[in-house]
Amino acid sequence: MIEFTDKGDGVYVLQVKIPEVHTLDVPDLKEKIQQIILNNDIKKVVLDLSKVKTITSSGIGIFLNINEALKSKFRLASPGPEVKKVLELTKVSTILKVFETVEMAIKSF
């Protein structure tokens, strides 16, 4: 469901490995992300959405919670067209920093 990689300088990339993030997936996904962050004392996160094809608004709620917990040291990267559309329609892209690539998101720190 989630794969994470240490990119150095305290930055970790978490890649969501499921193609659809729907309401039923949200509690499990949120718990896994929070466990990774807490267990590894992670302070800066880039969430790679390249494998996610669709997402619901409840899925986006996870991102807002994590962003708050990390005190805005949270980036979204590589959203596909459908995910990007949802981020824009829900105005989340005005709150969270969204980047076209993981590399651009890492450099933003």
PDB file of N, CA and C in Angstrom:
ATOM      1  N   MET A   1       0.820  -1.205   0.000  1.00  0.00           N
ATOM      2  CA  MET A   1       0.000   0.000   0.000  1.00  0.00           C
ATOM      3  C   MET A   1       0.862   1.267   0.000  1.00  0.00           C
ATOM      4  N   ILE A   2       1.933   1.278   0.829  1.00  0.00           N
ATOM      5  CA  ILE A   2       2.832   2.429   0.904  1.00  0.00           C
ATOM      6  C   ILE A   2       4.272   1.917   0.892  1.00  0.00           C
ATOM      7  N   GLU A   3       5.096   2.588   0.119  1.00  0.00           N
ATOM      8  CA  GLU A   3       6.528   2.289   0.110  1.00  0.00           C
ATOM      9  C   GLU A   3       7.237   3.591   0.430  1.00  0.00           C
ATOM     10  N   PHE A   4       8.241   3.548   1.321  1.00  0.00           N
ATOM     11  CA  PHE A   4       8.924   4.807   1.630  1.00  0.00           C
ATOM     12  C   PHE A   4      10.423   4.699   1.450  1.00  0.00           C
ATOM     13  N   THR A   5      11.024   5.843   1.085  1.00  0.00           N
ATOM     14  CA  THR A   5      12.436   5.921   0.773  1.00  0.00           C
ATOM     15  C   THR A   5      13.033   7.154   1.426  1.00  0.00           C
ATOM     16  N   ASP A   6      14.171   6.992   2.080  1.00  0.00           N
ATOM     17  CA  ASP A   6      14.906   8.108   2.677  1.00  0.00           C
ATOM     18  C   ASP A   6      15.709   8.775   1.568  1.00  0.00           C
ATOM     19  N   LYS A   7      15.447  10.066   1.335  1.00  0.00           N
ATOM     20  CA  LYS A   7      16.161  10.797   0.281  1.00  0.00           C
ATOM     21  C   LYS A   7      17.269  11.680   0.849  1.00  0.00           C
ATOM     22  N   GLY A   8      17.519  11.567   2.144  1.00  0.00           N
ATOM     23  CA  GLY A   8      18.562  12.372   2.779  1.00  0.00           C
ATOM     24  C   GLY A   8      18.028  13.726   3.217  1.00  0.00           C
ATOM     25  N   ASP A   9      18.785  14.402   4.063  1.00  0.00           N
ATOM     26  CA  ASP A   9      18.403  15.709   4.598  1.00  0.00           C
ATOM     27  C   ASP A   9      17.045  15.685   5.279  1.00  0.00           C
ATOM     28  N   GLY A  10      16.671  14.542   5.834  1.00  0.00           N
ATOM     29  CA  GLY A  10      15.409  14.441   6.557  1.00  0.00           C
ATOM     30  C   GLY A  10      14.170  14.345   5.684  1.00  0.00           C
ATOM     31  N   VAL A  11      14.360  14.190   4.372  1.00  0.00           N
ATOM     32  CA  VAL A  11      13.233  14.108   3.438  1.00  0.00           C
ATOM     33  C   VAL A  11      12.963  12.643   3.091  1.00  0.00           C
ATOM     34  N   TYR A  12      11.697  12.260   3.202  1.00  0.00           N
ATOM     35  CA  TYR A  12      11.272  10.912   2.841  1.00  0.00           C
ATOM     36  C   TYR A  12      10.216  10.998   1.746  1.00  0.00           C
ATOM     37  N   VAL A  13      10.291  10.069   0.806  1.00  0.00           N
ATOM     38  CA  VAL A  13       9.266   9.959  -0.228  1.00  0.00           C
ATOM     39  C   VAL A  13       8.410   8.750   0.117  1.00  0.00           C
ATOM     40  N   LEU A  14       7.116   8.989   0.219  1.00  0.00           N
ATOM     41  CA  LEU A  14       6.161   7.914   0.450  1.00  0.00           C
ATOM     42  C   LEU A  14       5.370   7.746  -0.834  1.00  0.00           C
ATOM     43  N   GLN A  15       5.419   6.561  -1.419  1.00  0.00           N
ATOM     44  CA  GLN A  15       4.677   6.309  -2.640  1.00  0.00           C
ATOM     45  C   GLN A  15       3.439   5.468  -2.326  1.00  0.00           C
ATOM     46  N   VAL A  16       2.290   6.002  -2.707  1.00  0.00           N
ATOM     47  CA  VAL A  16       1.033   5.277  -2.542  1.00  0.00           C
ATOM     48  C   VAL A  16       0.953   4.273  -3.682  1.00  0.00           C
ATOM     49  N   LYS A  17       0.839   2.987  -3.339  1.00  0.00           N
ATOM     50  CA  LYS A  17       0.889   1.921  -4.334  1.00  0.00           C
ATOM     51  C   LYS A  17      -0.472   1.403  -4.781  1.00  0.00           C
ATOM     52  N   ILE A  18      -1.562   2.007  -4.287  1.00  0.00           N
ATOM     53  CA  ILE A  18      -2.890   1.545  -4.702  1.00  0.00           C
ATOM     54  C   ILE A  18      -3.458   2.510  -5.740  1.00  0.00           C
ATOM     55  N   PRO A  19      -4.100   1.992  -6.781  1.00  0.00           N
ATOM     56  CA  PRO A  19      -4.578   2.859  -7.861  1.00  0.00           C
ATOM     57  C   PRO A  19      -5.814   3.685  -7.514  1.00  0.00           C
ATOM     58  N   GLU A  20      -6.582   3.249  -6.537  1.00  0.00           N
ATOM     59  CA  GLU A  20      -7.806   3.970  -6.192  1.00  0.00           C
ATOM     60  C   GLU A  20      -7.851   4.205  -4.694  1.00  0.00           C
ATOM     61  N   VAL A  21      -7.973   5.462  -4.296  1.00  0.00           N
ATOM     62  CA  VAL A  21      -8.092   5.797  -2.882  1.00  0.00           C
ATOM     63  C   VAL A  21      -9.528   6.230  -2.652  1.00  0.00           C
ATOM     64  N   HIS A  22     -10.320   5.287  -2.176  1.00  0.00           N
ATOM     65  CA  HIS A  22     -11.736   5.534  -1.923  1.00  0.00           C
ATOM     66  C   HIS A  22     -12.001   5.578  -0.424  1.00  0.00           C
ATOM     67  N   THR A  23     -13.199   5.937  -0.074  1.00  0.00           N
ATOM     68  CA  THR A  23     -13.586   6.103   1.325  1.00  0.00           C
ATOM     69  C   THR A  23     -13.242   4.885   2.184  1.00  0.00           C
ATOM     70  N   LEU A  24     -13.422   3.692   1.671  1.00  0.00           N
ATOM     71  CA  LEU A  24     -13.131   2.489   2.446  1.00  0.00           C
ATOM     72  C   LEU A  24     -11.636   2.289   2.693  1.00  0.00           C
ATOM     73  N   ASP A  25     -10.797   2.829   1.818  1.00  0.00           N
ATOM     74  CA  ASP A  25      -9.350   2.692   1.952  1.00  0.00           C
ATOM     75  C   ASP A  25      -8.755   3.690   2.933  1.00  0.00           C
ATOM     76  N   VAL A  26      -9.473   4.775   3.180  1.00  0.00           N
ATOM     77  CA  VAL A  26      -8.925   5.911   3.908  1.00  0.00           C
ATOM     78  C   VAL A  26      -8.411   5.573   5.309  1.00  0.00           C
ATOM     79  N   PRO A  27      -9.178   4.907   6.173  1.00  0.00           N
ATOM     80  CA  PRO A  27      -8.656   4.647   7.519  1.00  0.00           C
ATOM     81  C   PRO A  27      -7.361   3.841   7.517  1.00  0.00           C
ATOM     82  N   ASP A  28      -7.287   2.815   6.695  1.00  0.00           N
ATOM     83  CA  ASP A  28      -6.095   1.983   6.621  1.00  0.00           C
ATOM     84  C   ASP A  28      -4.905   2.762   6.070  1.00  0.00           C
ATOM     85  N   LEU A  29      -5.128   3.522   5.014  1.00  0.00           N
ATOM     86  CA  LEU A  29      -4.070   4.320   4.401  1.00  0.00           C
ATOM     87  C   LEU A  29      -3.552   5.362   5.384  1.00  0.00           C
ATOM     88  N   LYS A  30      -4.459   6.049   6.049  1.00  0.00           N
ATOM     89  CA  LYS A  30      -4.073   7.073   7.021  1.00  0.00           C
ATOM     90  C   LYS A  30      -3.234   6.461   8.133  1.00  0.00           C
ATOM     91  N   GLU A  31      -3.661   5.323   8.647  1.00  0.00           N
ATOM     92  CA  GLU A  31      -2.932   4.662   9.730  1.00  0.00           C
ATOM     93  C   GLU A  31      -1.533   4.258   9.279  1.00  0.00           C
ATOM     94  N   LYS A  32      -1.417   3.700   8.085  1.00  0.00           N
ATOM     95  CA  LYS A  32      -0.106   3.271   7.577  1.00  0.00           C
ATOM     96  C   LYS A  32       0.843   4.463   7.407  1.00  0.00           C
ATOM     97  N   ILE A  33       0.332   5.557   6.845  1.00  0.00           N
ATOM     98  CA  ILE A  33       1.164   6.758   6.658  1.00  0.00           C
ATOM     99  C   ILE A  33       1.600   7.300   8.015  1.00  0.00           C
ATOM    100  N   GLN A  34       0.675   7.403   8.948  1.00  0.00           N
ATOM    101  CA  GLN A  34       1.019   7.922  10.278  1.00  0.00           C
ATOM    102  C   GLN A  34       2.027   7.026  10.981  1.00  0.00           C
ATOM    103  N   GLN A  35       1.878   5.713  10.864  1.00  0.00           N
ATOM    104  CA  GLN A  35       2.830   4.788  11.483  1.00  0.00           C
ATOM    105  C   GLN A  35       4.230   4.969  10.909  1.00  0.00           C
ATOM    106  N   ILE A  36       4.324   5.097   9.595  1.00  0.00           N
ATOM    107  CA  ILE A  36       5.632   5.294   8.954  1.00  0.00           C
ATOM    108  C   ILE A  36       6.269   6.582   9.462  1.00  0.00           C
ATOM    109  N   ILE A  37       5.495   7.656   9.514  1.00  0.00           N
ATOM    110  CA  ILE A  37       6.019   8.954   9.952  1.00  0.00           C
ATOM    111  C   ILE A  37       6.473   8.879  11.415  1.00  0.00           C
ATOM    112  N   LEU A  38       5.638   8.315  12.290  1.00  0.00           N
ATOM    113  CA  LEU A  38       5.981   8.240  13.715  1.00  0.00           C
ATOM    114  C   LEU A  38       7.120   7.266  13.995  1.00  0.00           C
ATOM    115  N   ASN A  39       7.072   6.090  13.401  1.00  0.00           N
ATOM    116  CA  ASN A  39       8.087   5.070  13.661  1.00  0.00           C
ATOM    117  C   ASN A  39       9.474   5.460  13.173  1.00  0.00           C
ATOM    118  N   ASN A  40       9.536   6.341  12.190  1.00  0.00           N
ATOM    119  CA  ASN A  40      10.823   6.745  11.614  1.00  0.00           C
ATOM    120  C   ASN A  40      11.179   8.190  11.931  1.00  0.00           C
ATOM    121  N   ASP A  41      10.369   8.830  12.792  1.00  0.00           N
ATOM    122  CA  ASP A  41      10.590  10.228  13.189  1.00  0.00           C
ATOM    123  C   ASP A  41      10.795  11.136  11.967  1.00  0.00           C
ATOM    124  N   ILE A  42       9.917  10.982  10.999  1.00  0.00           N
ATOM    125  CA  ILE A  42      10.006  11.733   9.752  1.00  0.00           C
ATOM    126  C   ILE A  42       9.440  13.140   9.945  1.00  0.00           C
ATOM    127  N   LYS A  43      10.162  14.127   9.428  1.00  0.00           N
ATOM    128  CA  LYS A  43       9.745  15.532   9.559  1.00  0.00           C
ATOM    129  C   LYS A  43       9.342  16.169   8.225  1.00  0.00           C
ATOM    130  N   LYS A  44       9.841  15.614   7.116  1.00  0.00           N
ATOM    131  CA  LYS A  44       9.532  16.162   5.790  1.00  0.00           C
ATOM    132  C   LYS A  44       9.102  15.017   4.882  1.00  0.00           C
ATOM    133  N   VAL A  45       7.941  15.186   4.242  1.00  0.00           N
ATOM    134  CA  VAL A  45       7.392  14.108   3.421  1.00  0.00           C
ATOM    135  C   VAL A  45       6.981  14.613   2.041  1.00  0.00           C
ATOM    136  N   VAL A  46       7.370  13.834   1.033  1.00  0.00           N
ATOM    137  CA  VAL A  46       6.837  13.997  -0.318  1.00  0.00           C
ATOM    138  C   VAL A  46       5.977  12.764  -0.565  1.00  0.00           C
ATOM    139  N   LEU A  47       4.701  12.988  -0.837  1.00  0.00           N
ATOM    140  CA  LEU A  47       3.795  11.880  -1.120  1.00  0.00           C
ATOM    141  C   LEU A  47       3.684  11.733  -2.632  1.00  0.00           C
ATOM    142  N   ASP A  48       4.229  10.643  -3.140  1.00  0.00           N
ATOM    143  CA  ASP A  48       4.237  10.353  -4.577  1.00  0.00           C
ATOM    144  C   ASP A  48       2.898   9.714  -4.959  1.00  0.00           C
ATOM    145  N   LEU A  49       2.137  10.426  -5.775  1.00  0.00           N
ATOM    146  CA  LEU A  49       0.809   9.968  -6.190  1.00  0.00           C
ATOM    147  C   LEU A  49       0.795   9.392  -7.608  1.00  0.00           C
ATOM    148  N   SER A  50       1.956   9.107  -8.156  1.00  0.00           N
ATOM    149  CA  SER A  50       2.035   8.671  -9.557  1.00  0.00           C
ATOM    150  C   SER A  50       1.263   7.389  -9.857  1.00  0.00           C
ATOM    151  N   LYS A  51       1.078   6.519  -8.878  1.00  0.00           N
ATOM    152  CA  LYS A  51       0.359   5.249  -9.091  1.00  0.00           C
ATOM    153  C   LYS A  51      -1.143   5.368  -8.826  1.00  0.00           C
ATOM    154  N   VAL A  52      -1.565   6.500  -8.251  1.00  0.00           N
ATOM    155  CA  VAL A  52      -2.975   6.695  -7.899  1.00  0.00           C
ATOM    156  C   VAL A  52      -3.727   7.242  -9.113  1.00  0.00           C
ATOM    157  N   LYS A  53      -4.776   6.541  -9.502  1.00  0.00           N
ATOM    158  CA  LYS A  53      -5.566   6.963 -10.672  1.00  0.00           C
ATOM    159  C   LYS A  53      -6.806   7.751 -10.268  1.00  0.00           C
ATOM    160  N   THR A  54      -7.428   7.387  -9.136  1.00  0.00           N
ATOM    161  CA  THR A  54      -8.604   8.115  -8.652  1.00  0.00           C
ATOM    162  C   THR A  54      -8.522   8.273  -7.138  1.00  0.00           C
ATOM    163  N   ILE A  55      -9.165   9.332  -6.659  1.00  0.00           N
ATOM    164  CA  ILE A  55      -9.176   9.610  -5.227  1.00  0.00           C
ATOM    165  C   ILE A  55     -10.474  10.317  -4.866  1.00  0.00           C
ATOM    166  N   THR A  56     -10.969  10.050  -3.668  1.00  0.00           N
ATOM    167  CA  THR A  56     -12.179  10.729  -3.202  1.00  0.00           C
ATOM    168  C   THR A  56     -11.783  11.867  -2.271  1.00  0.00           C
ATOM    169  N   SER A  57     -12.749  12.698  -1.938  1.00  0.00           N
ATOM    170  CA  SER A  57     -12.472  13.829  -1.050  1.00  0.00           C
ATOM    171  C   SER A  57     -12.029  13.358   0.340  1.00  0.00           C
ATOM    172  N   SER A  58     -12.520  12.211   0.782  1.00  0.00           N
ATOM    173  CA  SER A  58     -12.085  11.697   2.088  1.00  0.00           C
ATOM    174  C   SER A  58     -10.606  11.299   2.038  1.00  0.00           C
ATOM    175  N   GLY A  59     -10.155  10.842   0.889  1.00  0.00           N
ATOM    176  CA  GLY A  59      -8.735  10.546   0.713  1.00  0.00           C
ATOM    177  C   GLY A  59      -7.893  11.795   0.815  1.00  0.00           C
ATOM    178  N   ILE A  60      -8.399  12.872   0.265  1.00  0.00           N
ATOM    179  CA  ILE A  60      -7.697  14.145   0.320  1.00  0.00           C
ATOM    180  C   ILE A  60      -7.636  14.667   1.752  1.00  0.00           C
ATOM    181  N   GLY A  61      -8.640  14.338   2.543  1.00  0.00           N
ATOM    182  CA  GLY A  61      -8.645  14.744   3.949  1.00  0.00           C
ATOM    183  C   GLY A  61      -7.421  14.233   4.695  1.00  0.00           C
ATOM    184  N   ILE A  62      -6.951  13.054   4.317  1.00  0.00           N
ATOM    185  CA  ILE A  62      -5.726  12.494   4.918  1.00  0.00           C
ATOM    186  C   ILE A  62      -4.567  13.466   4.705  1.00  0.00           C
ATOM    187  N   PHE A  63      -4.451  13.970   3.486  1.00  0.00           N
ATOM    188  CA  PHE A  63      -3.334  14.851   3.150  1.00  0.00           C
ATOM    189  C   PHE A  63      -3.357  16.118   3.999  1.00  0.00           C
ATOM    190  N   LEU A  64      -4.539  16.661   4.210  1.00  0.00           N
ATOM    191  CA  LEU A  64      -4.661  17.872   5.016  1.00  0.00           C
ATOM    192  C   LEU A  64      -4.252  17.608   6.457  1.00  0.00           C
ATOM    193  N   ASN A  65      -4.659  16.456   6.996  1.00  0.00           N
ATOM    194  CA  ASN A  65      -4.279  16.100   8.371  1.00  0.00           C
ATOM    195  C   ASN A  65      -2.771  15.927   8.506  1.00  0.00           C
ATOM    196  N   ILE A  66      -2.168  15.264   7.542  1.00  0.00           N
ATOM    197  CA  ILE A  66      -0.724  15.031   7.594  1.00  0.00           C
ATOM    198  C   ILE A  66       0.029  16.347   7.449  1.00  0.00           C
ATOM    199  N   ASN A  67      -0.432  17.203   6.570  1.00  0.00           N
ATOM    200  CA  ASN A  67       0.192  18.502   6.378  1.00  0.00           C
ATOM    201  C   ASN A  67       0.189  19.293   7.689  1.00  0.00           C
ATOM    202  N   GLU A  68      -0.926  19.255   8.388  1.00  0.00           N
ATOM    203  CA  GLU A  68      -1.029  19.952   9.668  1.00  0.00           C
ATOM    204  C   GLU A  68      -0.081  19.337  10.698  1.00  0.00           C
ATOM    205  N   ALA A  69      -0.043  18.021  10.761  1.00  0.00           N
ATOM    206  CA  ALA A  69       0.821  17.330  11.723  1.00  0.00           C
ATOM    207  C   ALA A  69       2.306  17.602  11.462  1.00  0.00           C
ATOM    208  N   LEU A  70       2.666  17.732  10.195  1.00  0.00           N
ATOM    209  CA  LEU A  70       4.067  17.980   9.828  1.00  0.00           C
ATOM    210  C   LEU A  70       4.388  19.469   9.731  1.00  0.00           C
ATOM    211  N   LYS A  71       3.463  20.293  10.153  1.00  0.00           N
ATOM    212  CA  LYS A  71       3.656  21.751  10.136  1.00  0.00           C
ATOM    213  C   LYS A  71       4.072  22.238   8.749  1.00  0.00           C
ATOM    214  N   SER A  72       3.314  21.802   7.761  1.00  0.00           N
ATOM    215  CA  SER A  72       3.478  22.201   6.357  1.00  0.00           C
ATOM    216  C   SER A  72       4.774  21.717   5.714  1.00  0.00           C
ATOM    217  N   LYS A  73       5.410  20.716   6.274  1.00  0.00           N
ATOM    218  CA  LYS A  73       6.600  20.107   5.646  1.00  0.00           C
ATOM    219  C   LYS A  73       6.142  18.873   4.868  1.00  0.00           C
ATOM    220  N   PHE A  74       5.111  19.073   4.054  1.00  0.00           N
ATOM    221  CA  PHE A  74       4.455  17.989   3.325  1.00  0.00           C
ATOM    222  C   PHE A  74       4.202  18.451   1.901  1.00  0.00           C
ATOM    223  N   ARG A  75       4.551  17.616   0.940  1.00  0.00           N
ATOM    224  CA  ARG A  75       4.364  17.946  -0.468  1.00  0.00           C
ATOM    225  C   ARG A  75       3.659  16.784  -1.169  1.00  0.00           C
ATOM    226  N   LEU A  76       2.865  17.110  -2.170  1.00  0.00           N
ATOM    227  CA  LEU A  76       2.265  16.110  -3.046  1.00  0.00           C
ATOM    228  C   LEU A  76       3.014  16.159  -4.364  1.00  0.00           C
ATOM    229  N   ALA A  77       3.250  15.002  -4.966  1.00  0.00           N
ATOM    230  CA  ALA A  77       4.007  14.961  -6.216  1.00  0.00           C
ATOM    231  C   ALA A  77       3.396  13.983  -7.201  1.00  0.00           C
ATOM    232  N   SER A  78       3.544  14.309  -8.456  1.00  0.00           N
ATOM    233  CA  SER A  78       3.179  13.451  -9.585  1.00  0.00           C
ATOM    234  C   SER A  78       1.717  13.005  -9.619  1.00  0.00           C
ATOM    235  N   PRO A  79       0.778  13.916  -9.357  1.00  0.00           N
ATOM    236  CA  PRO A  79      -0.621  13.476  -9.476  1.00  0.00           C
ATOM    237  C   PRO A  79      -0.991  13.284 -10.939  1.00  0.00           C
ATOM    238  N   GLY A  80      -1.741  12.218 -11.233  1.00  0.00           N
ATOM    239  CA  GLY A  80      -2.228  11.991 -12.587  1.00  0.00           C
ATOM    240  C   GLY A  80      -3.347  12.980 -12.892  1.00  0.00           C
ATOM    241  N   PRO A  81      -3.846  12.987 -14.124  1.00  0.00           N
ATOM    242  CA  PRO A  81      -4.863  13.961 -14.532  1.00  0.00           C
ATOM    243  C   PRO A  81      -6.133  13.948 -13.663  1.00  0.00           C
ATOM    244  N   GLU A  82      -6.640  12.774 -13.341  1.00  0.00           N
ATOM    245  CA  GLU A  82      -7.867  12.696 -12.532  1.00  0.00           C
ATOM    246  C   GLU A  82      -7.635  13.177 -11.099  1.00  0.00           C
ATOM    247  N   VAL A  83      -6.523  12.779 -10.518  1.00  0.00           N
ATOM    248  CA  VAL A  83      -6.202  13.193  -9.149  1.00  0.00           C
ATOM    249  C   VAL A  83      -5.965  14.703  -9.107  1.00  0.00           C
ATOM    250  N   LYS A  84      -5.254  15.205 -10.087  1.00  0.00           N
ATOM    251  CA  LYS A  84      -4.982  16.644 -10.166  1.00  0.00           C
ATOM    252  C   LYS A  84      -6.295  17.432 -10.261  1.00  0.00           C
ATOM    253  N   LYS A  85      -7.215  16.921 -11.042  1.00  0.00           N
ATOM    254  CA  LYS A  85      -8.528  17.555 -11.210  1.00  0.00           C
ATOM    255  C   LYS A  85      -9.268  17.633  -9.864  1.00  0.00           C
ATOM    256  N   VAL A  86      -9.246  16.534  -9.096  1.00  0.00           N
ATOM    257  CA  VAL A  86      -9.896  16.521  -7.781  1.00  0.00           C
ATOM    258  C   VAL A  86      -9.206  17.506  -6.834  1.00  0.00           C
ATOM    259  N   LEU A  87      -7.883  17.564  -6.865  1.00  0.00           N
ATOM    260  CA  LEU A  87      -7.138  18.500  -6.020  1.00  0.00           C
ATOM    261  C   LEU A  87      -7.521  19.943  -6.340  1.00  0.00           C
ATOM    262  N   GLU A  88      -7.695  20.225  -7.612  1.00  0.00           N
ATOM    263  CA  GLU A  88      -8.074  21.583  -8.027  1.00  0.00           C
ATOM    264  C   GLU A  88      -9.532  21.885  -7.692  1.00  0.00           C
ATOM    265  N   LEU A  89     -10.435  20.945  -7.953  1.00  0.00           N
ATOM    266  CA  LEU A  89     -11.857  21.158  -7.674  1.00  0.00           C
ATOM    267  C   LEU A  89     -12.133  21.354  -6.182  1.00  0.00           C
ATOM    268  N   THR A  90     -11.392  20.651  -5.342  1.00  0.00           N
ATOM    269  CA  THR A  90     -11.590  20.762  -3.893  1.00  0.00           C
ATOM    270  C   THR A  90     -10.785  21.913  -3.289  1.00  0.00           C
ATOM    271  N   LYS A  91     -10.033  22.612  -4.133  1.00  0.00           N
ATOM    272  CA  LYS A  91      -9.190  23.743  -3.712  1.00  0.00           C
ATOM    273  C   LYS A  91      -8.026  23.322  -2.807  1.00  0.00           C
ATOM    274  N   VAL A  92      -7.763  22.027  -2.726  1.00  0.00           N
ATOM    275  CA  VAL A  92      -6.656  21.534  -1.910  1.00  0.00           C
ATOM    276  C   VAL A  92      -5.323  22.028  -2.465  1.00  0.00           C
ATOM    277  N   SER A  93      -5.266  22.214  -3.765  1.00  0.00           N
ATOM    278  CA  SER A  93      -4.016  22.679  -4.382  1.00  0.00           C
ATOM    279  C   SER A  93      -3.674  24.112  -3.968  1.00  0.00           C
ATOM    280  N   THR A  94      -4.610  24.814  -3.329  1.00  0.00           N
ATOM    281  CA  THR A  94      -4.298  26.155  -2.817  1.00  0.00           C
ATOM    282  C   THR A  94      -3.758  26.076  -1.386  1.00  0.00           C
ATOM    283  N   ILE A  95      -3.935  24.926  -0.734  1.00  0.00           N
ATOM    284  CA  ILE A  95      -3.478  24.744   0.650  1.00  0.00           C
ATOM    285  C   ILE A  95      -2.188  23.945   0.696  1.00  0.00           C
ATOM    286  N   LEU A  96      -2.154  22.857  -0.074  1.00  0.00           N
ATOM    287  CA  LEU A  96      -0.979  21.996  -0.117  1.00  0.00           C
ATOM    288  C   LEU A  96      -0.120  22.328  -1.322  1.00  0.00           C
ATOM    289  N   LYS A  97       1.158  22.097  -1.181  1.00  0.00           N
ATOM    290  CA  LYS A  97       2.068  22.317  -2.302  1.00  0.00           C
ATOM    291  C   LYS A  97       2.078  21.059  -3.163  1.00  0.00           C
ATOM    292  N   VAL A  98       1.738  21.241  -4.442  1.00  0.00           N
ATOM    293  CA  VAL A  98       1.637  20.130  -5.389  1.00  0.00           C
ATOM    294  C   VAL A  98       2.667  20.350  -6.497  1.00  0.00           C
ATOM    295  N   PHE A  99       3.446  19.313  -6.781  1.00  0.00           N
ATOM    296  CA  PHE A  99       4.497  19.410  -7.781  1.00  0.00           C
ATOM    297  C   PHE A  99       4.323  18.355  -8.867  1.00  0.00           C
ATOM    298  N   GLU A 100       4.793  18.663 -10.051  1.00  0.00           N
ATOM    299  CA  GLU A 100       4.675  17.749 -11.192  1.00  0.00           C
ATOM    300  C   GLU A 100       5.522  16.500 -11.017  1.00  0.00           C
ATOM    301  N   THR A 101       6.673  16.638 -10.337  1.00  0.00           N
ATOM    302  CA  THR A 101       7.563  15.496 -10.152  1.00  0.00           C
ATOM    303  C   THR A 101       8.012  15.387  -8.698  1.00  0.00           C
ATOM    304  N   VAL A 102       8.460  14.213  -8.331  1.00  0.00           N
ATOM    305  CA  VAL A 102       8.996  13.984  -6.983  1.00  0.00           C
ATOM    306  C   VAL A 102      10.248  14.832  -6.783  1.00  0.00           C
ATOM    307  N   GLU A 103      11.085  14.904  -7.808  1.00  0.00           N
ATOM    308  CA  GLU A 103      12.337  15.659  -7.700  1.00  0.00           C
ATOM    309  C   GLU A 103      12.079  17.139  -7.425  1.00  0.00           C
ATOM    310  N   MET A 104      11.079  17.711  -8.083  1.00  0.00           N
ATOM    311  CA  MET A 104      10.727  19.115  -7.855  1.00  0.00           C
ATOM    312  C   MET A 104      10.233  19.313  -6.426  1.00  0.00           C
ATOM    313  N   ALA A 105       9.457  18.370  -5.933  1.00  0.00           N
ATOM    314  CA  ALA A 105       8.938  18.457  -4.560  1.00  0.00           C
ATOM    315  C   ALA A 105      10.072  18.376  -3.545  1.00  0.00           C
ATOM    316  N   ILE A 106      11.034  17.495  -3.774  1.00  0.00           N
ATOM    317  CA  ILE A 106      12.176  17.364  -2.866  1.00  0.00           C
ATOM    318  C   ILE A 106      12.968  18.666  -2.838  1.00  0.00           C
ATOM    319  N   LYS A 107      13.225  19.235  -3.990  1.00  0.00           N
ATOM    320  CA  LYS A 107      13.995  20.477  -4.078  1.00  0.00           C
ATOM    321  C   LYS A 107      13.292  21.638  -3.388  1.00  0.00           C
ATOM    322  N   SER A 108      11.972  21.574  -3.256  1.00  0.00           N
ATOM    323  CA  SER A 108      11.228  22.686  -2.653  1.00  0.00           C
ATOM    324  C   SER A 108      11.496  22.851  -1.156  1.00  0.00           C
ATOM    325  N   PHE A 109      12.072  21.825  -0.526  1.00  0.00           N
ATOM    326  CA  PHE A 109      12.422  21.939   0.893  1.00  0.00           C
ATOM    327  C   PHE A 109      13.691  22.735   1.031  1.00  0.00           C
TER     328      PHE A 109
END
